[in-house]
C-alpha atoms as a PDB file:
ATOM      1  CA  MET A   1      -2.956  -7.323 -26.161  1.00  0.00           C
ATOM      2  CA  ALA A   2      -1.028  -5.957 -23.297  1.00  0.00           C
ATOM      3  CA  GLY A   3      -1.605  -2.561 -21.851  1.00  0.00           C
ATOM      4  CA  THR A   4      -2.890  -0.364 -19.782  1.00  0.00           C
ATOM      5  CA  ALA A   5      -6.347   1.920 -20.192  1.00  0.00           C
ATOM      6  CA  PHE A   6      -6.700   5.667 -18.635  1.00  0.00           C
ATOM      7  CA  ILE A   7     -10.384   6.443 -17.895  1.00  0.00           C
ATOM      8  CA  THR A   8     -11.933   9.776 -16.954  1.00  0.00           C
ATOM      9  CA  HIS A   9     -14.754  12.077 -18.303  1.00  0.00           C
ATOM     10  CA  PRO A  10     -14.930  15.781 -18.431  1.00  0.00           C
ATOM     11  CA  ASP A  11     -17.823  15.766 -16.204  1.00  0.00           C
ATOM     12  CA  CYS A  12     -15.608  14.196 -13.260  1.00  0.00           C
ATOM     13  CA  TRP A  13     -14.331  17.442 -12.950  1.00  0.00           C
ATOM     14  CA  LEU A  14     -17.822  19.415 -12.571  1.00  0.00           C
ATOM     15  CA  HIS A  15     -18.929  18.223  -9.452  1.00  0.00           C
ATOM     16  CA  SER A  16     -18.306  20.299  -6.525  1.00  0.00           C
ATOM     17  CA  MET A  17     -19.429  20.288  -3.147  1.00  0.00           C
ATOM     18  CA  GLY A  18     -18.379  24.246  -2.202  1.00  0.00           C
ATOM     19  CA  ALA A  19     -15.395  26.473  -2.357  1.00  0.00           C
ATOM     20  CA  GLY A  20     -12.490  24.886  -0.332  1.00  0.00           C
ATOM     21  CA  HIS A  21     -13.914  21.390   0.097  1.00  0.00           C
ATOM     22  CA  PRO A  22     -10.977  18.753   0.073  1.00  0.00           C
ATOM     23  CA  GLU A  23     -12.730  16.388  -2.914  1.00  0.00           C
ATOM     24  CA  SER A  24     -11.947  19.172  -5.680  1.00  0.00           C
ATOM     25  CA  PRO A  25     -11.660  18.700  -9.182  1.00  0.00           C
ATOM     26  CA  ASP A  26      -8.232  19.530  -8.736  1.00  0.00           C
ATOM     27  CA  ARG A  27      -7.623  16.246  -7.556  1.00  0.00           C
ATOM     28  CA  LEU A  28      -7.844  15.012 -11.279  1.00  0.00           C
ATOM     29  CA  SER A  29      -6.042  17.979 -12.528  1.00  0.00           C
ATOM     30  CA  ALA A  30      -2.977  16.756 -10.321  1.00  0.00           C
ATOM     31  CA  ILE A  31      -2.720  13.530 -11.674  1.00  0.00           C
ATOM     32  CA  ARG A  32      -3.527  14.694 -15.231  1.00  0.00           C
ATOM     33  CA  ASP A  33      -0.969  17.377 -14.952  1.00  0.00           C
ATOM     34  CA  ARG A  34       1.825  14.772 -13.517  1.00  0.00           C
ATOM     35  CA  MET A  35       1.015  12.140 -16.070  1.00  0.00           C
ATOM     36  CA  ILE A  36       1.461  14.836 -18.637  1.00  0.00           C
ATOM     37  CA  ALA A  37       4.670  16.216 -16.910  1.00  0.00           C
ATOM     38  CA  SER A  38       6.512  12.325 -16.908  1.00  0.00           C
ATOM     39  CA  GLY A  39       5.575  11.678 -19.991  1.00  0.00           C
ATOM     40  CA  LEU A  40       3.800   8.543 -19.016  1.00  0.00           C
ATOM     41  CA  GLU A  41       0.509   9.665 -20.927  1.00  0.00           C
ATOM     42  CA  GLN A  42       1.803   8.421 -24.321  1.00  0.00           C
ATOM     43  CA  TYR A  43       2.150   4.819 -23.193  1.00  0.00           C
ATOM     44  CA  VAL A  44      -1.393   4.543 -21.517  1.00  0.00           C
ATOM     45  CA  SER A  45      -4.489   4.365 -23.736  1.00  0.00           C
ATOM     46  CA  SER A  46      -6.885   6.996 -22.539  1.00  0.00           C
ATOM     47  CA  PHE A  47     -11.171   6.542 -22.748  1.00  0.00           C
ATOM     48  CA  GLU A  48     -13.856   8.532 -21.680  1.00  0.00           C
ATOM     49  CA  ALA A  49     -16.309   7.157 -19.052  1.00  0.00           C
ATOM     50  CA  PRO A  50     -19.595   6.085 -20.015  1.00  0.00           C
ATOM     51  CA  GLN A  51     -22.357   6.906 -18.002  1.00  0.00           C
ATOM     52  CA  ALA A  52     -23.540   3.601 -15.490  1.00  0.00           C
ATOM     53  CA  THR A  53     -26.833   2.422 -16.447  1.00  0.00           C
ATOM     54  CA  ILE A  54     -29.606   1.958 -13.411  1.00  0.00           C
ATOM     55  CA  GLU A  55     -29.351  -1.488 -13.885  1.00  0.00           C
ATOM     56  CA  GLN A  56     -25.667  -1.510 -13.473  1.00  0.00           C
ATOM     57  CA  LEU A  57     -25.852   0.714 -10.150  1.00  0.00           C
ATOM     58  CA  GLN A  58     -28.261  -2.415  -8.823  1.00  0.00           C
ATOM     59  CA  LEU A  59     -25.444  -4.602  -8.953  1.00  0.00           C
ATOM     60  CA  ALA A  60     -24.455  -2.682  -5.411  1.00  0.00           C
ATOM     61  CA  HIS A  61     -27.011  -0.461  -4.413  1.00  0.00           C
ATOM     62  CA  SER A  62     -31.016  -0.837  -3.653  1.00  0.00           C
ATOM     63  CA  PRO A  63     -33.261   0.332  -6.293  1.00  0.00           C
ATOM     64  CA  GLU A  64     -34.850   2.613  -3.100  1.00  0.00           C
ATOM     65  CA  TYR A  65     -31.386   4.108  -2.649  1.00  0.00           C
ATOM     66  CA  ILE A  66     -30.525   5.033  -6.377  1.00  0.00           C
ATOM     67  CA  ARG A  67     -34.441   6.445  -6.660  1.00  0.00           C
ATOM     68  CA  GLU A  68     -33.927   8.325  -3.475  1.00  0.00           C
ATOM     69  CA  LEU A  69     -30.224   9.563  -4.622  1.00  0.00           C
ATOM     70  CA  LEU A  70     -32.001  10.490  -8.620  1.00  0.00           C
ATOM     71  CA  GLU A  71     -34.545  12.611  -6.701  1.00  0.00           C
ATOM     72  CA  CYS A  72     -31.916  14.284  -4.668  1.00  0.00           C
ATOM     73  CA  ALA A  73     -30.194  15.731  -7.917  1.00  0.00           C
ATOM     74  CA  PRO A  74     -30.653  19.544  -7.442  1.00  0.00           C
ATOM     75  CA  GLU A  75     -31.194  22.221 -10.684  1.00  0.00           C
ATOM     76  CA  ARG A  76     -29.198  24.887  -8.951  1.00  0.00           C
ATOM     77  CA  GLY A  77     -27.377  25.415  -5.737  1.00  0.00           C
ATOM     78  CA  ILE A  78     -25.781  22.329  -3.506  1.00  0.00           C
ATOM     79  CA  VAL A  79     -27.739  19.933  -1.293  1.00  0.00           C
ATOM     80  CA  HIS A  80     -26.317  18.501   1.440  1.00  0.00           C
ATOM     81  CA  LEU A  81     -26.895  14.371   1.981  1.00  0.00           C
ATOM     82  CA  ASP A  82     -24.514  14.844   5.224  1.00  0.00           C
ATOM     83  CA  ALA A  83     -21.966  17.226   6.813  1.00  0.00           C
ATOM     84  CA  ASP A  84     -19.073  16.750   4.091  1.00  0.00           C
ATOM     85  CA  THR A  85     -21.739  14.767   1.558  1.00  0.00           C
ATOM     86  CA  ALA A  86     -23.075  17.182  -1.300  1.00  0.00           C
ATOM     87  CA  MET A  87     -24.623  17.557  -4.194  1.00  0.00           C
ATOM     88  CA  CYS A  88     -24.525  20.130  -7.235  1.00  0.00           C
ATOM     89  CA  PRO A  89     -26.015  20.338 -10.428  1.00  0.00           C
ATOM     90  CA  HIS A  90     -23.511  18.092 -12.284  1.00  0.00           C
ATOM     91  CA  THR A  91     -22.687  15.810  -9.651  1.00  0.00           C
ATOM     92  CA  LEU A  92     -24.831  13.361 -10.997  1.00  0.00           C
ATOM     93  CA  ASN A  93     -23.617  12.483 -14.004  1.00  0.00           C
ATOM     94  CA  ALA A  94     -20.015  12.804 -13.060  1.00  0.00           C
ATOM     95  CA  ALA A  95     -20.859   9.867 -10.346  1.00  0.00           C
ATOM     96  CA  LEU A  96     -22.550   7.949 -13.086  1.00  0.00           C
ATOM     97  CA  ARG A  97     -19.766   8.322 -15.079  1.00  0.00           C
ATOM     98  CA  ALA A  98     -17.335   7.352 -12.249  1.00  0.00           C
ATOM     99  CA  ALA A  99     -19.250   3.864 -11.738  1.00  0.00           C
ATOM    100  CA  GLY A 100     -19.456   3.606 -15.654  1.00  0.00           C
ATOM    101  CA  ALA A 101     -15.573   4.243 -15.862  1.00  0.00           C
ATOM    102  CA  GLY A 102     -15.308   0.942 -13.803  1.00  0.00           C
ATOM    103  CA  ILE A 103     -17.565  -0.751 -15.795  1.00  0.00           C
ATOM    104  CA  LEU A 104     -15.607  -0.012 -18.982  1.00  0.00           C
ATOM    105  CA  ALA A 105     -12.376  -0.881 -17.281  1.00  0.00           C
ATOM    106  CA  THR A 106     -14.094  -4.307 -16.297  1.00  0.00           C
ATOM    107  CA  ASP A 107     -15.136  -5.251 -19.956  1.00  0.00           C
ATOM    108  CA  MET A 108     -11.958  -3.787 -21.535  1.00  0.00           C
ATOM    109  CA  VAL A 109      -9.706  -6.030 -19.207  1.00  0.00           C
ATOM    110  CA  MET A 110     -12.249  -9.230 -19.519  1.00  0.00           C
ATOM    111  CA  ARG A 111     -12.218  -8.794 -23.324  1.00  0.00           C
ATOM    112  CA  GLY A 112      -8.081  -8.782 -23.528  1.00  0.00           C
ATOM    113  CA  GLU A 113      -8.268  -5.459 -24.904  1.00  0.00           C
ATOM    114  CA  VAL A 114      -6.257  -4.043 -21.973  1.00  0.00           C
ATOM    115  CA  ASP A 115      -4.762  -5.956 -18.858  1.00  0.00           C
ATOM    116  CA  THR A 116      -4.836  -3.377 -16.475  1.00  0.00           C
ATOM    117  CA  ALA A 117      -6.846  -0.369 -16.381  1.00  0.00           C
ATOM    118  CA  PHE A 118      -6.818   2.809 -13.959  1.00  0.00           C
ATOM    119  CA  CYS A 119     -10.208   4.818 -13.270  1.00  0.00           C
ATOM    120  CA  ALA A 120      -9.317   8.801 -12.817  1.00  0.00           C
ATOM    121  CA  VAL A 121     -12.945   9.554 -11.478  1.00  0.00           C
ATOM    122  CA  ARG A 122     -14.467  11.663  -9.182  1.00  0.00           C
ATOM    123  CA  PRO A 123     -16.554  11.424  -6.703  1.00  0.00           C
ATOM    124  CA  PRO A 124     -14.741   8.589  -5.057  1.00  0.00           C
ATOM    125  CA  GLY A 125     -17.219   5.572  -4.098  1.00  0.00           C
ATOM    126  CA  HIS A 126     -15.902   3.165  -1.485  1.00  0.00           C
ATOM    127  CA  HIS A 127     -17.306   5.099   1.574  1.00  0.00           C
ATOM    128  CA  ALA A 128     -20.856   4.275   0.078  1.00  0.00           C
ATOM    129  CA  GLU A 129     -22.686   1.721   0.942  1.00  0.00           C
ATOM    130  CA  ARG A 130     -25.671  -0.251  -0.675  1.00  0.00           C
ATOM    131  CA  ALA A 131     -28.520   2.232   0.989  1.00  0.00           C
ATOM    132  CA  ARG A 132     -26.547   5.183   1.986  1.00  0.00           C
ATOM    133  CA  ALA A 133     -24.354   8.090   0.724  1.00  0.00           C
ATOM    134  CA  MET A 134     -21.393   9.115   2.956  1.00  0.00           C
ATOM    135  CA  GLY A 135     -17.448  10.577   2.626  1.00  0.00           C
ATOM    136  CA  PHE A 136     -17.647  12.439  -0.407  1.00  0.00           C
ATOM    137  CA  CYS A 137     -19.277   8.736  -1.947  1.00  0.00           C
ATOM    138  CA  PHE A 138     -22.303   7.847  -4.144  1.00  0.00           C
ATOM    139  CA  PHE A 139     -22.557   5.227  -5.601  1.00  0.00           C
ATOM    140  CA  ASN A 140     -19.512   2.434  -5.213  1.00  0.00           C
ATOM    141  CA  ASN A 141     -17.884   2.478  -8.394  1.00  0.00           C
ATOM    142  CA  ILE A 142     -15.446  -0.505  -7.355  1.00  0.00           C
ATOM    143  CA  ALA A 143     -18.762  -2.399  -5.673  1.00  0.00           C
ATOM    144  CA  VAL A 144     -19.993  -1.894  -8.987  1.00  0.00           C
ATOM    145  CA  ALA A 145     -16.975  -2.943 -11.248  1.00  0.00           C
ATOM    146  CA  ALA A 146     -16.133  -6.196  -8.870  1.00  0.00           C
ATOM    147  CA  ARG A 147     -19.911  -7.272  -9.084  1.00  0.00           C
ATOM    148  CA  HIS A 148     -20.518  -6.811 -13.077  1.00  0.00           C
ATOM    149  CA  ALA A 149     -17.003  -9.063 -13.230  1.00  0.00           C
ATOM    150  CA  LEU A 150     -19.182 -11.533 -11.343  1.00  0.00           C
ATOM    151  CA  GLU A 151     -22.444 -11.366 -12.604  1.00  0.00           C
ATOM    152  CA  VAL A 152     -21.974  -9.967 -16.038  1.00  0.00           C
ATOM    153  CA  HIS A 153     -18.990 -11.853 -17.021  1.00  0.00           C
ATOM    154  CA  GLY A 154     -19.233 -14.727 -14.964  1.00  0.00           C
ATOM    155  CA  LEU A 155     -16.046 -14.722 -12.875  1.00  0.00           C
ATOM    156  CA  GLU A 156     -16.649 -16.963  -9.830  1.00  0.00           C
ATOM    157  CA  ARG A 157     -13.948 -15.157  -7.469  1.00  0.00           C
ATOM    158  CA  VAL A 158     -12.219 -11.839  -7.551  1.00  0.00           C
ATOM    159  CA  ALA A 159     -10.373  -9.762  -4.893  1.00  0.00           C
ATOM    160  CA  ILE A 160     -10.545  -6.016  -3.572  1.00  0.00           C
ATOM    161  CA  ILE A 161      -7.621  -4.289  -2.168  1.00  0.00           C
ATOM    162  CA  ASP A 162      -8.701  -0.828  -0.179  1.00  0.00           C
ATOM    163  CA  PHE A 163      -5.428   1.157   0.248  1.00  0.00           C
ATOM    164  CA  ASP A 164      -7.224   4.263   1.033  1.00  0.00           C
ATOM    165  CA  VAL A 165      -6.482   5.537   4.482  1.00  0.00           C
ATOM    166  CA  HIS A 166      -9.852   5.186   5.673  1.00  0.00           C
ATOM    167  CA  HIS A 167     -11.830   2.011   5.662  1.00  0.00           C
ATOM    168  CA  GLY A 168     -14.144   1.228   2.991  1.00  0.00           C
ATOM    169  CA  ASN A 169     -17.022   1.019   4.802  1.00  0.00           C
ATOM    170  CA  GLY A 170     -19.199   0.588   2.063  1.00  0.00           C
ATOM    171  CA  THR A 171     -17.270  -1.716   0.081  1.00  0.00           C
ATOM    172  CA  GLU A 172     -17.657  -4.072   2.854  1.00  0.00           C
ATOM    173  CA  ASP A 173     -21.217  -3.146   3.496  1.00  0.00           C
ATOM    174  CA  ILE A 174     -21.995  -4.275  -0.232  1.00  0.00           C
ATOM    175  CA  PHE A 175     -19.477  -7.979  -0.007  1.00  0.00           C
ATOM    176  CA  SER A 176     -20.138  -8.959   3.671  1.00  0.00           C
ATOM    177  CA  GLY A 177     -20.455 -12.245   3.947  1.00  0.00           C
ATOM    178  CA  ASP A 178     -19.971 -13.061   0.108  1.00  0.00           C
ATOM    179  CA  PRO A 179     -17.500 -15.806  -0.279  1.00  0.00           C
ATOM    180  CA  ARG A 180     -17.035 -15.255  -4.038  1.00  0.00           C
ATOM    181  CA  VAL A 181     -14.864 -11.628  -2.911  1.00  0.00           C
ATOM    182  CA  LEU A 182     -11.968 -11.292  -0.846  1.00  0.00           C
ATOM    183  CA  MET A 183     -11.132  -7.870   0.489  1.00  0.00           C
ATOM    184  CA  VAL A 184      -7.749  -7.235   1.668  1.00  0.00           C
ATOM    185  CA  GLY A 185      -7.470  -3.068   3.145  1.00  0.00           C
ATOM    186  CA  PHE A 186      -5.440  -1.232   5.750  1.00  0.00           C
ATOM    187  CA  PHE A 187      -6.654   1.944   6.951  1.00  0.00           C
ATOM    188  CA  GLN A 188      -5.751   4.209  10.166  1.00  0.00           C
ATOM    189  CA  HIS A 189      -7.707   3.318  13.126  1.00  0.00           C
ATOM    190  CA  PRO A 190      -9.049   5.020  15.215  1.00  0.00           C
ATOM    191  CA  PHE A 191     -10.566   7.311  12.563  1.00  0.00           C
ATOM    192  CA  TYR A 192     -13.390   8.159  10.281  1.00  0.00           C
ATOM    193  CA  PRO A 193     -15.789   6.334   9.202  1.00  0.00           C
ATOM    194  CA  TYR A 194     -14.787   4.272  12.960  1.00  0.00           C
ATOM    195  CA  SER A 195     -15.846   0.993  11.223  1.00  0.00           C
ATOM    196  CA  GLY A 196     -14.222  -2.339   9.910  1.00  0.00           C
ATOM    197  CA  THR A 197     -12.840  -3.392  13.718  1.00  0.00           C
ATOM    198  CA  ARG A 198     -16.070  -4.963  14.900  1.00  0.00           C
ATOM    199  CA  ASP A 199     -16.229  -8.719  14.317  1.00  0.00           C
ATOM    200  CA  PRO A 200     -15.692  -8.371  10.079  1.00  0.00           C
ATOM    201  CA  SER A 201     -16.946 -11.414   7.753  1.00  0.00           C
ATOM    202  CA  ALA A 202     -14.855 -13.977   7.000  1.00  0.00           C
ATOM    203  CA  ASN A 203     -14.404 -12.836   3.400  1.00  0.00           C
ATOM    204  CA  MET A 204     -12.927  -9.423   5.206  1.00  0.00           C
ATOM    205  CA  LEU A 205      -9.311  -8.704   5.685  1.00  0.00           C
ATOM    206  CA  ASN A 206      -9.283  -5.653   7.201  1.00  0.00           C
ATOM    207  CA  ALA A 207      -6.146  -4.387   8.911  1.00  0.00           C
ATOM    208  CA  PRO A 208      -6.661  -1.219  11.301  1.00  0.00           C
ATOM    209  CA  LEU A 209      -3.751   0.472  12.265  1.00  0.00           C
ATOM    210  CA  PRO A 210      -2.227   3.687  14.326  1.00  0.00           C
ATOM    211  CA  ALA A 211      -1.451   6.961  13.131  1.00  0.00           C
ATOM    212  CA  SER A 212       2.172   7.588  11.945  1.00  0.00           C
ATOM    213  CA  THR A 213       2.204   4.194  10.588  1.00  0.00           C
ATOM    214  CA  ARG A 214       5.520   4.145   7.843  1.00  0.00           C
ATOM    215  CA  GLY A 215       5.373   2.165   4.647  1.00  0.00           C
ATOM    216  CA  GLU A 216       7.734  -0.625   5.803  1.00  0.00           C
ATOM    217  CA  THR A 217       4.676  -2.000   8.068  1.00  0.00           C
ATOM    218  CA  VAL A 218       2.255  -1.968   5.075  1.00  0.00           C
ATOM    219  CA  ARG A 219       4.947  -3.917   2.883  1.00  0.00           C
ATOM    220  CA  ASP A 220       4.929  -6.834   5.904  1.00  0.00           C
ATOM    221  CA  LEU A 221       1.458  -6.601   5.530  1.00  0.00           C
ATOM    222  CA  LEU A 222       1.492  -7.492   1.941  1.00  0.00           C
ATOM    223  CA  GLU A 223       3.771  -9.861   2.142  1.00  0.00           C
ATOM    224  CA  ARG A 224       2.765 -11.447   5.578  1.00  0.00           C
ATOM    225  CA  VAL A 225      -0.914 -11.125   5.435  1.00  0.00           C
ATOM    226  CA  TRP A 226      -2.323 -10.201   2.245  1.00  0.00           C
ATOM    227  CA  LEU A 227      -0.217 -12.015  -0.581  1.00  0.00           C
ATOM    228  CA  PRO A 228      -0.866 -15.264   1.141  1.00  0.00           C
ATOM    229  CA  ALA A 229      -4.755 -14.803   1.562  1.00  0.00           C
ATOM    230  CA  LEU A 230      -5.145 -13.920  -2.140  1.00  0.00           C
ATOM    231  CA  THR A 231      -3.433 -17.019  -3.287  1.00  0.00           C
ATOM    232  CA  GLU A 232      -5.618 -19.138  -1.156  1.00  0.00           C
ATOM    233  CA  HIS A 233      -8.890 -17.115  -2.749  1.00  0.00           C
ATOM    234  CA  ARG A 234      -7.578 -17.695  -5.848  1.00  0.00           C
ATOM    235  CA  PRO A 235      -9.182 -14.719  -7.634  1.00  0.00           C
ATOM    236  CA  GLN A 236      -9.591 -14.414 -11.091  1.00  0.00           C
ATOM    237  CA  MET A 237      -9.286 -10.905 -11.100  1.00  0.00           C
ATOM    238  CA  LEU A 238      -8.443  -7.384  -8.628  1.00  0.00           C
ATOM    239  CA  PHE A 239      -9.852  -4.571  -8.255  1.00  0.00           C
ATOM    240  CA  ILE A 240      -7.894  -1.869  -5.910  1.00  0.00           C
ATOM    241  CA  SER A 241      -9.154   1.393  -4.331  1.00  0.00           C
ATOM    242  CA  ALA A 242      -6.652   3.504  -4.720  1.00  0.00           C
ATOM    243  CA  GLY A 243      -6.361   6.019  -1.822  1.00  0.00           C
ATOM    244  CA  PHE A 244      -3.538   8.083  -1.569  1.00  0.00           C
ATOM    245  CA  ASP A 245      -4.360   9.781   1.260  1.00  0.00           C
ATOM    246  CA  ALA A 246      -2.118   7.539   3.686  1.00  0.00           C
ATOM    247  CA  HIS A 247       0.923   9.698   2.387  1.00  0.00           C
ATOM    248  CA  TYR A 248       2.887  11.509   4.603  1.00  0.00           C
ATOM    249  CA  GLU A 249       2.052  15.269   2.885  1.00  0.00           C
ATOM    250  CA  ASP A 250      -1.944  14.723   3.183  1.00  0.00           C
ATOM    251  CA  ASP A 251      -3.135  16.023   6.304  1.00  0.00           C
ATOM    252  CA  MET A 252      -6.719  14.628   5.775  1.00  0.00           C
ATOM    253  CA  ALA A 253      -4.557  11.829   7.770  1.00  0.00           C
ATOM    254  CA  ALA A 254      -2.073  11.160   9.711  1.00  0.00           C
ATOM    255  CA  MET A 255      -0.195   8.411   7.944  1.00  0.00           C
ATOM    256  CA  SER A 256       3.134   8.498   6.892  1.00  0.00           C
ATOM    257  CA  LEU A 257       3.865   6.186   3.611  1.00  0.00           C
ATOM    258  CA  PHE A 258       5.748   8.006   0.606  1.00  0.00           C
ATOM    259  CA  ASP A 259       5.608   7.963  -3.014  1.00  0.00           C
ATOM    260  CA  ALA A 260       7.706   4.797  -3.745  1.00  0.00           C
ATOM    261  CA  ASP A 261       5.443   2.593  -0.840  1.00  0.00           C
ATOM    262  CA  TYR A 262       2.650   3.164  -3.670  1.00  0.00           C
ATOM    263  CA  ALA A 263       4.766   2.259  -6.589  1.00  0.00           C
ATOM    264  CA  TRP A 264       5.833  -1.086  -4.721  1.00  0.00           C
ATOM    265  CA  ILE A 265       2.598  -2.131  -3.624  1.00  0.00           C
ATOM    266  CA  THR A 266       1.279  -1.550  -7.215  1.00  0.00           C
ATOM    267  CA  GLU A 267       4.546  -3.342  -8.205  1.00  0.00           C
ATOM    268  CA  GLN A 268       3.266  -6.466  -6.051  1.00  0.00           C
ATOM    269  CA  LEU A 269      -0.439  -6.530  -6.694  1.00  0.00           C
ATOM    270  CA  ARG A 270       0.475  -6.779 -10.609  1.00  0.00           C
ATOM    271  CA  ASN A 271       2.717  -9.231 -10.603  1.00  0.00           C
ATOM    272  CA  PHE A 272       0.438 -11.309  -8.449  1.00  0.00           C
ATOM    273  CA  ALA A 273      -2.346 -10.926 -10.907  1.00  0.00           C
ATOM    274  CA  LYS A 274       0.114 -11.991 -13.869  1.00  0.00           C
ATOM    275  CA  ALA A 275       1.049 -15.197 -12.062  1.00  0.00           C
ATOM    276  CA  ASN A 276      -2.719 -15.862 -10.501  1.00  0.00           C
ATOM    277  CA  CYS A 277      -5.361 -14.022 -12.918  1.00  0.00           C
ATOM    278  CA  ASP A 278      -4.133 -13.801 -16.112  1.00  0.00           C
ATOM    279  CA  GLY A 279      -3.031 -10.067 -15.208  1.00  0.00           C
ATOM    280  CA  ARG A 280      -6.304  -8.780 -14.664  1.00  0.00           C
ATOM    281  CA  ILE A 281      -6.339  -5.484 -12.560  1.00  0.00           C
ATOM    282  CA  VAL A 282      -9.179  -2.530 -12.478  1.00  0.00           C
ATOM    283  CA  SER A 283      -7.808   0.090 -10.265  1.00  0.00           C
ATOM    284  CA  MET A 284      -9.844   3.277  -9.172  1.00  0.00           C
ATOM    285  CA  LEU A 285      -9.289   6.467  -7.499  1.00  0.00           C
ATOM    286  CA  GLU A 286     -10.526   6.801  -4.297  1.00  0.00           C
ATOM    287  CA  GLY A 287      -8.905   9.377  -1.676  1.00  0.00           C
ATOM    288  CA  GLY A 288      -5.704  11.877  -1.963  1.00  0.00           C
ATOM    289  CA  TYR A 289      -5.911  15.527  -1.236  1.00  0.00           C
ATOM    290  CA  ALA A 290      -2.545  16.820  -1.246  1.00  0.00           C
ATOM    291  CA  LEU A 291      -2.517  17.329  -4.272  1.00  0.00           C
ATOM    292  CA  SER A 292       1.115  17.108  -5.244  1.00  0.00           C
ATOM    293  CA  ALA A 293       1.823  13.745  -3.695  1.00  0.00           C
ATOM    294  CA  LEU A 294      -1.117  12.629  -5.167  1.00  0.00           C
ATOM    295  CA  GLY A 295      -0.654  13.545  -8.459  1.00  0.00           C
ATOM    296  CA  ARG A 296       3.305  11.722  -7.787  1.00  0.00           C
ATOM    297  CA  SER A 297       1.720   8.883  -6.382  1.00  0.00           C
ATOM    298  CA  ALA A 298      -1.270   8.305  -8.439  1.00  0.00           C
ATOM    299  CA  THR A 299       0.965   8.278 -11.426  1.00  0.00           C
ATOM    300  CA  LEU A 300       3.713   6.069 -10.494  1.00  0.00           C
ATOM    301  CA  HIS A 301       0.593   3.756  -9.362  1.00  0.00           C
ATOM    302  CA  VAL A 302      -0.355   4.176 -12.993  1.00  0.00           C
ATOM    303  CA  LYS A 303       3.182   3.337 -14.324  1.00  0.00           C
ATOM    304  CA  ALA A 304       3.720   0.278 -12.307  1.00  0.00           C
ATOM    305  CA  LEU A 305       0.171  -1.047 -13.526  1.00  0.00           C
ATOM    306  CA  ALA A 306       1.813  -0.430 -16.854  1.00  0.00           C
ATOM    307  CA  GLY A 307       4.978  -2.337 -15.857  1.00  0.00           C
ATOM    308  CA  LEU A 308       6.958   0.092 -16.863  1.00  0.00           C
END
């Protein structure tokens, strides 16, 4: 059955790290409102994310870390885990839903109920390491989903494509040296989290790019480097860490991609998946803080995932 799932949950709107924090509930509202305004909502199937279980979280995180995070969850107020990563009373539920969205998406794609899925969830995940929360992230949603595909559904090889403006250090921490997983990504460098350039393992195809890099460079990178590497790896499923903060309107960073660049990247990945992975793609929201640009770019991303 062809189709695209759109997975989210009201709990993901309740997580707040304080007034003025850029990783705000408004991000999901911007995507939802643009989806509705574009008419795209009627062409996707909407689902609510379940909560990930402790066992599922342990696919990517240590039991000790999970226990510590559960114990940190406050009953009131805000607890800071680092300078820019904090928990409110609703954070834990939101984080469990965000990770659970990837599990549901993977299950639906693997069962053939949909070809592709986009998880509009927060908090994001790609900075969360095996035993450390950071960079607005608590559980590594994309890593949990990819490991679920490998360990539960028995896939032999998957690939993760990360086009967030920040290096997915958490995803690299979890999968470094795992030959079943090829991770490809670009990121602004030098820039937070100041990682990804020091002797990455062979399964990490990192592309540090300078500030002001435009879409033409990224498109060339995809055609010249990513697609040949993906072809050689022969993944049975693609996972996308979909950050939209390399957009030129996003002042959290300094790259210069446009809406159309995200549509084009997604189209190339969908074409690759159709030819090589039975069309299987799970995409999860990461960054993107300029609300209008986020709404527009994410909507084009979903439209391209759906082949519309």
